[in-house]
Amino acid sequence: MLKFLFPLVLFIVLAIFLALGLNLHPNEIPSPLVDKVAPVFSAPKLQTPEQKLTPADLKGKVWLFNVWASWCVSCRSEHPILNQMAKTKTAVIVGLNYKDEPEDAKNWLSQLGNPYDVSIMDQDGRIGIDYGVYGVPETFVIDKQGVIRYKHTGPVTAEDVQKVFLPWIAKLQAEN
């Protein structure tokens, strides 16, 4: 009798874990960096590599930090959303071109449009590591003091813009 009961109990336990796992939201991966000052970097700009950008250059501005790459399929799906969002000028959008070839990235932006106020290069992935990037795309909302307030893992959707990003931006823009 016990040899038949054990597989049944094991099956029930596995079914419970599966049901719980299906209710998780992969875009809500917690980040230890939320509510902490954004990691410092000095990175070459994609369009003008002789110029560098640092988070200090963005002090006093609410900005989105979008990690992307020309080889990223999910980045392609979120790109039209970012292009639309860029037209509203609600926040500065900084792109982090992650582990990509500069020419491929420039071609990609010229073909699909450029939503970024500035895009910087991270060919070796060190900036991505400092920001705890799991994979591309990822987007961070950073406040006027340079503190990360929100991290979004995965492609940004129109619904995310309306329900998450615009409310965060409005709240942070209103703060002194």
N, C-alpha and C. Protein backbone atom coordinates (compact mmCIF):
# COMPACT_ATOMS: atom_id res chain seq x y z
N MET A 1 0.82 -1.20 0.00
CA MET A 1 0.00 0.00 0.00
C MET A 1 0.86 1.26 0.00
N LEU A 2 1.94 1.25 0.80
CA LEU A 2 2.83 2.40 0.92
C LEU A 2 3.52 2.70 -0.41
N LYS A 3 3.84 1.66 -1.17
CA LYS A 3 4.54 1.90 -2.44
C LYS A 3 3.63 2.58 -3.47
N PHE A 4 2.34 2.54 -3.32
CA PHE A 4 1.40 3.24 -4.20
C PHE A 4 1.09 4.65 -3.68
N LEU A 5 1.14 4.83 -2.38
CA LEU A 5 0.83 6.12 -1.77
C LEU A 5 1.95 7.14 -2.01
N PHE A 6 3.19 6.69 -1.93
CA PHE A 6 4.32 7.60 -2.12
C PHE A 6 4.30 8.30 -3.49
N PRO A 7 4.12 7.60 -4.61
CA PRO A 7 4.06 8.30 -5.91
C PRO A 7 2.89 9.28 -5.99
N LEU A 8 1.77 8.95 -5.37
CA LEU A 8 0.62 9.86 -5.38
C LEU A 8 0.94 11.15 -4.62
N VAL A 9 1.53 11.01 -3.44
CA VAL A 9 1.91 12.19 -2.64
C VAL A 9 2.95 13.02 -3.40
N LEU A 10 3.92 12.36 -3.99
CA LEU A 10 4.95 13.06 -4.77
C LEU A 10 4.32 13.82 -5.95
N PHE A 11 3.40 13.20 -6.63
CA PHE A 11 2.70 13.84 -7.74
C PHE A 11 1.94 15.08 -7.27
N ILE A 12 1.25 14.99 -6.15
CA ILE A 12 0.48 16.12 -5.61
C ILE A 12 1.41 17.27 -5.24
N VAL A 13 2.53 16.95 -4.60
CA VAL A 13 3.50 17.99 -4.23
C VAL A 13 4.05 18.68 -5.47
N LEU A 14 4.42 17.91 -6.48
CA LEU A 14 4.93 18.50 -7.73
C LEU A 14 3.87 19.34 -8.43
N ALA A 15 2.63 18.90 -8.41
CA ALA A 15 1.54 19.66 -9.02
C ALA A 15 1.35 20.99 -8.31
N ILE A 16 1.48 21.01 -7.00
CA ILE A 16 1.36 22.26 -6.24
C ILE A 16 2.48 23.21 -6.61
N PHE A 17 3.72 22.72 -6.67
CA PHE A 17 4.85 23.57 -7.06
C PHE A 17 4.68 24.11 -8.48
N LEU A 18 4.19 23.29 -9.39
CA LEU A 18 3.94 23.73 -10.76
C LEU A 18 2.89 24.84 -10.79
N ALA A 19 1.80 24.65 -10.04
CA ALA A 19 0.74 25.66 -10.00
C ALA A 19 1.26 26.97 -9.44
N LEU A 20 2.06 26.90 -8.39
CA LEU A 20 2.64 28.12 -7.82
C LEU A 20 3.58 28.80 -8.82
N GLY A 21 4.39 28.02 -9.51
CA GLY A 21 5.33 28.56 -10.48
C GLY A 21 4.64 29.24 -11.65
N LEU A 22 3.50 28.71 -12.07
CA LEU A 22 2.77 29.31 -13.18
C LEU A 22 2.17 30.66 -12.82
N ASN A 23 2.04 30.94 -11.54
CA ASN A 23 1.50 32.23 -11.11
C ASN A 23 2.57 33.29 -10.89
N LEU A 24 3.85 32.92 -11.07
CA LEU A 24 4.93 33.90 -10.93
C LEU A 24 5.02 34.78 -12.16
N HIS A 25 5.54 35.97 -12.01
CA HIS A 25 5.70 36.91 -13.10
C HIS A 25 7.19 37.11 -13.36
N PRO A 26 7.72 36.60 -14.48
CA PRO A 26 9.16 36.68 -14.72
C PRO A 26 9.67 38.11 -14.87
N ASN A 27 8.81 39.07 -15.21
CA ASN A 27 9.24 40.46 -15.34
C ASN A 27 9.44 41.12 -13.98
N GLU A 28 9.08 40.43 -12.92
CA GLU A 28 9.18 40.99 -11.58
C GLU A 28 10.31 40.34 -10.80
N ILE A 29 11.43 40.13 -11.46
CA ILE A 29 12.60 39.58 -10.78
C ILE A 29 13.13 40.67 -9.85
N PRO A 30 13.21 40.39 -8.55
CA PRO A 30 13.66 41.44 -7.63
C PRO A 30 15.12 41.81 -7.88
N SER A 31 15.42 43.07 -7.66
CA SER A 31 16.78 43.55 -7.83
C SER A 31 17.26 44.16 -6.52
N PRO A 32 18.45 43.78 -6.06
CA PRO A 32 18.99 44.40 -4.85
C PRO A 32 19.38 45.86 -5.07
N LEU A 33 19.38 46.32 -6.32
CA LEU A 33 19.78 47.69 -6.62
C LEU A 33 18.64 48.70 -6.50
N VAL A 34 17.39 48.22 -6.45
CA VAL A 34 16.26 49.14 -6.33
C VAL A 34 16.39 49.90 -5.01
N ASP A 35 16.20 51.22 -5.11
CA ASP A 35 16.33 52.16 -3.99
C ASP A 35 17.78 52.38 -3.56
N LYS A 36 18.71 52.03 -4.43
CA LYS A 36 20.13 52.31 -4.20
C LYS A 36 20.66 53.18 -5.35
N VAL A 37 21.72 53.91 -5.08
CA VAL A 37 22.33 54.75 -6.11
C VAL A 37 22.79 53.86 -7.26
N ALA A 38 22.50 54.29 -8.48
CA ALA A 38 22.88 53.52 -9.67
C ALA A 38 24.40 53.38 -9.73
N PRO A 39 24.88 52.23 -10.14
CA PRO A 39 26.34 52.05 -10.27
C PRO A 39 26.95 53.07 -11.23
N VAL A 40 28.13 53.49 -10.89
CA VAL A 40 28.84 54.50 -11.68
C VAL A 40 29.49 53.83 -12.89
N PHE A 41 29.46 54.52 -14.01
CA PHE A 41 30.16 54.06 -15.21
C PHE A 41 30.64 55.27 -15.98
N SER A 42 31.54 55.05 -16.86
CA SER A 42 31.96 56.05 -17.84
C SER A 42 32.11 55.27 -19.13
N ALA A 43 31.16 55.49 -20.04
CA ALA A 43 31.11 54.66 -21.25
C ALA A 43 31.08 55.53 -22.50
N PRO A 44 31.69 55.02 -23.57
CA PRO A 44 31.67 55.76 -24.83
C PRO A 44 30.27 55.78 -25.45
N LYS A 45 29.94 56.94 -26.02
CA LYS A 45 28.66 57.06 -26.71
C LYS A 45 28.74 56.30 -28.04
N LEU A 46 27.66 55.65 -28.39
CA LEU A 46 27.63 54.84 -29.61
C LEU A 46 27.91 55.69 -30.85
N GLN A 47 27.26 56.82 -30.96
CA GLN A 47 27.40 57.66 -32.16
C GLN A 47 28.69 58.47 -32.17
N THR A 48 29.20 58.80 -30.99
CA THR A 48 30.44 59.58 -30.89
C THR A 48 31.33 58.94 -29.82
N PRO A 49 32.04 57.87 -30.16
CA PRO A 49 32.81 57.11 -29.17
C PRO A 49 33.90 57.90 -28.44
N GLU A 50 34.31 59.00 -29.01
CA GLU A 50 35.33 59.82 -28.33
C GLU A 50 34.74 60.56 -27.13
N GLN A 51 33.40 60.61 -27.05
CA GLN A 51 32.72 61.24 -25.92
C GLN A 51 32.21 60.16 -24.97
N LYS A 52 32.24 60.47 -23.68
CA LYS A 52 31.79 59.53 -22.65
C LYS A 52 30.54 60.05 -21.96
N LEU A 53 29.79 59.13 -21.39
CA LEU A 53 28.62 59.47 -20.58
C LEU A 53 28.78 58.81 -19.22
N THR A 54 28.41 59.55 -18.18
CA THR A 54 28.40 59.00 -16.82
C THR A 54 27.04 59.31 -16.19
N PRO A 55 26.64 58.59 -15.16
CA PRO A 55 25.39 58.93 -14.48
C PRO A 55 25.38 60.36 -13.93
N ALA A 56 26.53 60.90 -13.59
CA ALA A 56 26.59 62.28 -13.09
C ALA A 56 26.09 63.27 -14.15
N ASP A 57 26.25 62.93 -15.43
CA ASP A 57 25.76 63.79 -16.51
C ASP A 57 24.24 63.88 -16.52
N LEU A 58 23.58 62.96 -15.84
CA LEU A 58 22.12 62.89 -15.85
C LEU A 58 21.50 63.34 -14.53
N LYS A 59 22.32 63.82 -13.59
CA LYS A 59 21.81 64.29 -12.31
C LYS A 59 20.78 65.38 -12.55
N GLY A 60 19.71 65.33 -11.78
CA GLY A 60 18.64 66.32 -11.90
C GLY A 60 17.59 65.93 -12.94
N LYS A 61 17.77 64.77 -13.59
CA LYS A 61 16.82 64.31 -14.59
C LYS A 61 16.32 62.91 -14.22
N VAL A 62 15.04 62.66 -14.51
CA VAL A 62 14.52 61.31 -14.42
C VAL A 62 14.87 60.64 -15.74
N TRP A 63 15.44 59.43 -15.67
CA TRP A 63 15.84 58.77 -16.91
C TRP A 63 15.57 57.28 -16.88
N LEU A 64 15.35 56.76 -18.07
CA LEU A 64 15.21 55.32 -18.26
C LEU A 64 16.53 54.80 -18.80
N PHE A 65 16.95 53.68 -18.30
CA PHE A 65 18.19 53.05 -18.75
C PHE A 65 17.79 51.71 -19.36
N ASN A 66 17.75 51.67 -20.68
CA ASN A 66 17.28 50.50 -21.41
C ASN A 66 18.47 49.71 -21.97
N VAL A 67 18.58 48.45 -21.54
CA VAL A 67 19.66 47.58 -21.99
C VAL A 67 19.16 46.84 -23.24
N TRP A 68 19.90 46.97 -24.34
CA TRP A 68 19.45 46.41 -25.63
C TRP A 68 20.64 45.93 -26.45
N ALA A 69 20.34 45.20 -27.51
CA ALA A 69 21.37 44.74 -28.45
C ALA A 69 20.72 44.46 -29.79
N SER A 70 21.49 44.61 -30.85
CA SER A 70 20.96 44.37 -32.19
C SER A 70 20.66 42.89 -32.42
N TRP A 71 21.31 42.01 -31.69
CA TRP A 71 21.11 40.57 -31.84
C TRP A 71 19.94 40.05 -31.00
N CYS A 72 19.30 40.92 -30.25
CA CYS A 72 18.25 40.55 -29.29
C CYS A 72 16.86 40.58 -29.95
N VAL A 73 16.23 39.43 -30.05
CA VAL A 73 14.90 39.33 -30.67
C VAL A 73 13.86 40.09 -29.84
N SER A 74 13.90 39.95 -28.53
CA SER A 74 12.93 40.64 -27.67
C SER A 74 13.09 42.16 -27.74
N CYS A 75 14.32 42.62 -27.96
CA CYS A 75 14.57 44.06 -28.09
C CYS A 75 13.83 44.61 -29.31
N ARG A 76 13.79 43.80 -30.35
CA ARG A 76 13.09 44.20 -31.57
C ARG A 76 11.59 44.38 -31.30
N SER A 77 11.02 43.52 -30.46
CA SER A 77 9.59 43.63 -30.17
C SER A 77 9.27 44.85 -29.31
N GLU A 78 10.18 45.26 -28.43
CA GLU A 78 9.90 46.42 -27.59
C GLU A 78 10.27 47.74 -28.26
N HIS A 79 11.06 47.67 -29.32
CA HIS A 79 11.61 48.88 -29.94
C HIS A 79 10.53 49.87 -30.42
N PRO A 80 9.47 49.43 -31.09
CA PRO A 80 8.42 50.39 -31.48
C PRO A 80 7.77 51.08 -30.28
N ILE A 81 7.67 50.37 -29.17
CA ILE A 81 7.10 50.95 -27.95
C ILE A 81 8.02 52.05 -27.44
N LEU A 82 9.32 51.79 -27.43
CA LEU A 82 10.28 52.80 -26.99
C LEU A 82 10.28 54.00 -27.93
N ASN A 83 10.15 53.75 -29.23
CA ASN A 83 10.08 54.86 -30.20
C ASN A 83 8.87 55.75 -29.91
N GLN A 84 7.73 55.13 -29.61
CA GLN A 84 6.52 55.90 -29.28
C GLN A 84 6.72 56.68 -27.98
N MET A 85 7.30 56.02 -27.00
CA MET A 85 7.52 56.67 -25.70
C MET A 85 8.48 57.85 -25.84
N ALA A 86 9.47 57.71 -26.68
CA ALA A 86 10.46 58.78 -26.88
C ALA A 86 9.80 60.04 -27.42
N LYS A 87 8.76 59.89 -28.21
CA LYS A 87 8.06 61.05 -28.78
C LYS A 87 7.40 61.90 -27.71
N THR A 88 7.05 61.31 -26.57
CA THR A 88 6.39 62.06 -25.51
C THR A 88 7.35 62.93 -24.71
N LYS A 89 8.66 62.61 -24.77
CA LYS A 89 9.70 63.37 -24.05
C LYS A 89 9.40 63.46 -22.55
N THR A 90 8.80 62.41 -21.97
CA THR A 90 8.50 62.42 -20.54
C THR A 90 9.73 62.17 -19.68
N ALA A 91 10.72 61.52 -20.24
CA ALA A 91 11.96 61.24 -19.52
C ALA A 91 13.08 61.04 -20.54
N VAL A 92 14.29 61.23 -20.08
CA VAL A 92 15.46 60.95 -20.91
C VAL A 92 15.56 59.42 -21.04
N ILE A 93 15.80 58.94 -22.25
CA ILE A 93 15.98 57.51 -22.46
C ILE A 93 17.43 57.27 -22.87
N VAL A 94 18.14 56.53 -22.02
CA VAL A 94 19.53 56.19 -22.28
C VAL A 94 19.58 54.71 -22.64
N GLY A 95 20.22 54.39 -23.75
CA GLY A 95 20.37 53.00 -24.15
C GLY A 95 21.73 52.49 -23.75
N LEU A 96 21.77 51.25 -23.29
CA LEU A 96 23.03 50.56 -23.03
C LEU A 96 23.13 49.45 -24.06
N ASN A 97 23.94 49.68 -25.08
CA ASN A 97 24.13 48.67 -26.12
C ASN A 97 25.05 47.59 -25.56
N TYR A 98 24.46 46.43 -25.30
CA TYR A 98 25.08 45.38 -24.50
C TYR A 98 25.70 44.28 -25.37
N LYS A 99 27.02 44.08 -25.20
CA LYS A 99 27.75 43.00 -25.87
C LYS A 99 27.43 42.94 -27.37
N ASP A 100 27.58 44.06 -28.02
CA ASP A 100 27.20 44.19 -29.42
C ASP A 100 28.33 44.86 -30.19
N GLU A 101 28.31 44.69 -31.49
CA GLU A 101 29.25 45.39 -32.35
C GLU A 101 28.70 46.78 -32.66
N PRO A 102 29.49 47.83 -32.51
CA PRO A 102 28.99 49.19 -32.73
C PRO A 102 28.33 49.39 -34.10
N GLU A 103 28.91 48.85 -35.15
CA GLU A 103 28.33 49.03 -36.49
C GLU A 103 26.98 48.35 -36.61
N ASP A 104 26.85 47.16 -36.02
CA ASP A 104 25.57 46.46 -36.03
C ASP A 104 24.52 47.28 -35.28
N ALA A 105 24.91 47.85 -34.15
CA ALA A 105 23.99 48.65 -33.35
C ALA A 105 23.56 49.91 -34.11
N LYS A 106 24.51 50.59 -34.73
CA LYS A 106 24.18 51.80 -35.50
C LYS A 106 23.24 51.48 -36.65
N ASN A 107 23.52 50.39 -37.35
CA ASN A 107 22.65 49.99 -38.47
C ASN A 107 21.25 49.66 -37.98
N TRP A 108 21.16 48.98 -36.87
CA TRP A 108 19.87 48.60 -36.29
C TRP A 108 19.05 49.85 -35.97
N LEU A 109 19.69 50.83 -35.33
CA LEU A 109 18.99 52.07 -34.98
C LEU A 109 18.60 52.87 -36.21
N SER A 110 19.44 52.87 -37.24
CA SER A 110 19.09 53.63 -38.45
C SER A 110 17.93 52.96 -39.19
N GLN A 111 17.81 51.65 -39.09
CA GLN A 111 16.71 50.93 -39.75
C GLN A 111 15.40 51.02 -38.97
N LEU A 112 15.48 50.89 -37.64
CA LEU A 112 14.27 50.78 -36.82
C LEU A 112 13.89 52.06 -36.08
N GLY A 113 14.72 53.08 -36.18
CA GLY A 113 14.47 54.32 -35.45
C GLY A 113 15.27 54.33 -34.16
N ASN A 114 15.56 55.52 -33.68
CA ASN A 114 16.39 55.67 -32.48
C ASN A 114 15.61 56.37 -31.38
N PRO A 115 15.13 55.61 -30.39
CA PRO A 115 14.37 56.23 -29.30
C PRO A 115 15.26 56.86 -28.23
N TYR A 116 16.56 56.64 -28.32
CA TYR A 116 17.47 57.02 -27.24
C TYR A 116 17.95 58.46 -27.39
N ASP A 117 17.94 59.18 -26.28
CA ASP A 117 18.57 60.49 -26.26
C ASP A 117 20.07 60.31 -26.43
N VAL A 118 20.57 59.23 -25.87
CA VAL A 118 21.97 58.83 -26.06
C VAL A 118 22.04 57.33 -25.81
N SER A 119 22.90 56.67 -26.56
CA SER A 119 23.14 55.25 -26.34
C SER A 119 24.64 55.07 -26.12
N ILE A 120 24.97 54.26 -25.13
CA ILE A 120 26.37 54.02 -24.80
C ILE A 120 26.71 52.56 -25.08
N MET A 121 28.00 52.29 -25.21
CA MET A 121 28.46 50.94 -25.54
C MET A 121 28.97 50.20 -24.31
N ASP A 122 28.62 48.93 -24.24
CA ASP A 122 29.09 48.03 -23.19
C ASP A 122 29.49 46.72 -23.85
N GLN A 123 30.55 46.77 -24.66
CA GLN A 123 30.94 45.62 -25.45
C GLN A 123 31.39 44.43 -24.61
N ASP A 124 32.00 44.68 -23.46
CA ASP A 124 32.47 43.57 -22.64
C ASP A 124 31.47 43.17 -21.55
N GLY A 125 30.37 43.90 -21.42
CA GLY A 125 29.31 43.54 -20.48
C GLY A 125 29.54 43.95 -19.04
N ARG A 126 30.56 44.73 -18.78
CA ARG A 126 30.87 45.09 -17.38
C ARG A 126 29.83 45.99 -16.75
N ILE A 127 29.31 46.94 -17.52
CA ILE A 127 28.27 47.82 -16.97
C ILE A 127 27.02 46.99 -16.69
N GLY A 128 26.69 46.10 -17.60
CA GLY A 128 25.55 45.21 -17.39
C GLY A 128 25.69 44.39 -16.12
N ILE A 129 26.90 43.88 -15.87
CA ILE A 129 27.15 43.12 -14.64
C ILE A 129 26.92 43.99 -13.42
N ASP A 130 27.44 45.22 -13.46
CA ASP A 130 27.27 46.14 -12.32
C ASP A 130 25.80 46.43 -12.04
N TYR A 131 24.97 46.45 -13.08
CA TYR A 131 23.54 46.72 -12.94
C TYR A 131 22.73 45.44 -12.68
N GLY A 132 23.39 44.30 -12.62
CA GLY A 132 22.70 43.05 -12.34
C GLY A 132 21.82 42.58 -13.49
N VAL A 133 22.25 42.85 -14.72
CA VAL A 133 21.46 42.48 -15.88
C VAL A 133 21.45 40.95 -16.02
N TYR A 134 20.23 40.41 -16.10
CA TYR A 134 20.05 38.97 -16.31
C TYR A 134 20.12 38.63 -17.78
N GLY A 135 19.65 39.54 -18.61
CA GLY A 135 19.61 39.35 -20.06
C GLY A 135 18.96 40.57 -20.68
N VAL A 136 19.02 40.66 -21.97
CA VAL A 136 18.41 41.81 -22.63
C VAL A 136 17.04 41.43 -23.16
N PRO A 137 16.12 42.35 -23.19
CA PRO A 137 16.18 43.72 -22.68
C PRO A 137 15.83 43.81 -21.20
N GLU A 138 16.34 44.84 -20.59
CA GLU A 138 15.98 45.23 -19.24
C GLU A 138 15.93 46.75 -19.21
N THR A 139 15.05 47.29 -18.37
CA THR A 139 14.90 48.74 -18.31
C THR A 139 14.81 49.17 -16.84
N PHE A 140 15.57 50.19 -16.51
CA PHE A 140 15.60 50.75 -15.17
C PHE A 140 15.01 52.15 -15.19
N VAL A 141 14.28 52.51 -14.14
CA VAL A 141 13.82 53.88 -13.95
C VAL A 141 14.71 54.47 -12.86
N ILE A 142 15.36 55.59 -13.20
CA ILE A 142 16.33 56.21 -12.29
C ILE A 142 15.89 57.64 -12.01
N ASP A 143 15.89 58.01 -10.73
CA ASP A 143 15.37 59.33 -10.34
C ASP A 143 16.41 60.44 -10.50
N LYS A 144 16.03 61.65 -10.12
CA LYS A 144 16.86 62.83 -10.31
C LYS A 144 18.16 62.79 -9.49
N GLN A 145 18.16 62.01 -8.42
CA GLN A 145 19.36 61.88 -7.59
C GLN A 145 20.24 60.72 -8.02
N GLY A 146 19.81 60.00 -9.07
CA GLY A 146 20.60 58.87 -9.55
C GLY A 146 20.32 57.57 -8.83
N VAL A 147 19.15 57.46 -8.21
CA VAL A 147 18.75 56.26 -7.48
C VAL A 147 17.84 55.42 -8.36
N ILE A 148 18.12 54.12 -8.44
CA ILE A 148 17.27 53.21 -9.20
C ILE A 148 15.97 53.01 -8.43
N ARG A 149 14.85 53.28 -9.07
CA ARG A 149 13.55 53.15 -8.42
C ARG A 149 12.75 51.95 -8.89
N TYR A 150 13.06 51.46 -10.10
CA TYR A 150 12.30 50.33 -10.64
C TYR A 150 13.15 49.61 -11.67
N LYS A 151 13.03 48.29 -11.71
CA LYS A 151 13.72 47.49 -12.73
C LYS A 151 12.69 46.60 -13.41
N HIS A 152 12.71 46.64 -14.74
CA HIS A 152 11.80 45.82 -15.55
C HIS A 152 12.64 44.84 -16.36
N THR A 153 12.39 43.56 -16.18
CA THR A 153 13.10 42.53 -16.92
C THR A 153 12.22 42.06 -18.07
N GLY A 154 12.79 42.01 -19.26
CA GLY A 154 12.04 41.58 -20.44
C GLY A 154 11.59 42.77 -21.26
N PRO A 155 10.93 42.50 -22.40
CA PRO A 155 10.52 43.59 -23.28
C PRO A 155 9.43 44.46 -22.66
N VAL A 156 9.56 45.75 -22.88
CA VAL A 156 8.55 46.72 -22.44
C VAL A 156 7.37 46.63 -23.40
N THR A 157 6.16 46.58 -22.84
CA THR A 157 4.95 46.57 -23.66
C THR A 157 4.23 47.90 -23.53
N ALA A 158 3.26 48.14 -24.39
CA ALA A 158 2.45 49.36 -24.30
C ALA A 158 1.74 49.42 -22.95
N GLU A 159 1.29 48.28 -22.48
CA GLU A 159 0.63 48.23 -21.17
C GLU A 159 1.60 48.60 -20.05
N ASP A 160 2.84 48.13 -20.14
CA ASP A 160 3.87 48.49 -19.14
C ASP A 160 4.09 50.00 -19.12
N VAL A 161 4.14 50.60 -20.30
CA VAL A 161 4.35 52.05 -20.38
C VAL A 161 3.24 52.77 -19.64
N GLN A 162 1.99 52.39 -19.92
CA GLN A 162 0.84 53.07 -19.31
C GLN A 162 0.71 52.79 -17.81
N LYS A 163 0.89 51.55 -17.42
CA LYS A 163 0.61 51.15 -16.04
C LYS A 163 1.81 51.23 -15.10
N VAL A 164 3.02 51.22 -15.66
CA VAL A 164 4.21 51.18 -14.79
C VAL A 164 5.11 52.39 -15.03
N PHE A 165 5.60 52.54 -16.25
CA PHE A 165 6.62 53.55 -16.50
C PHE A 165 6.12 54.98 -16.38
N LEU A 166 5.00 55.31 -17.03
CA LEU A 166 4.50 56.69 -16.95
C LEU A 166 4.14 57.10 -15.52
N PRO A 167 3.48 56.22 -14.72
CA PRO A 167 3.24 56.60 -13.32
C PRO A 167 4.53 56.82 -12.53
N TRP A 168 5.53 55.94 -12.73
CA TRP A 168 6.80 56.13 -12.04
C TRP A 168 7.44 57.45 -12.45
N ILE A 169 7.47 57.70 -13.75
CA ILE A 169 8.09 58.93 -14.24
C ILE A 169 7.38 60.16 -13.68
N ALA A 170 6.05 60.17 -13.72
CA ALA A 170 5.28 61.31 -13.21
C ALA A 170 5.57 61.54 -11.73
N LYS A 171 5.60 60.46 -10.97
CA LYS A 171 5.89 60.58 -9.54
C LYS A 171 7.27 61.15 -9.30
N LEU A 172 8.25 60.64 -10.02
CA LEU A 172 9.63 61.09 -9.82
C LEU A 172 9.87 62.50 -10.34
N GLN A 173 9.18 62.87 -11.43
CA GLN A 173 9.30 64.24 -11.95
C GLN A 173 8.75 65.25 -10.95
N ALA A 174 7.72 64.86 -10.21
CA ALA A 174 7.08 65.76 -9.24
C ALA A 174 7.93 65.95 -7.98
N GLU A 175 8.82 65.00 -7.71
CA GLU A 175 9.68 65.11 -6.52
C GLU A 175 10.79 66.11 -6.76
N ASN A 176 11.21 66.77 -5.69
CA ASN A 176 12.31 67.72 -5.81
C ASN A 176 13.57 67.01 -5.70
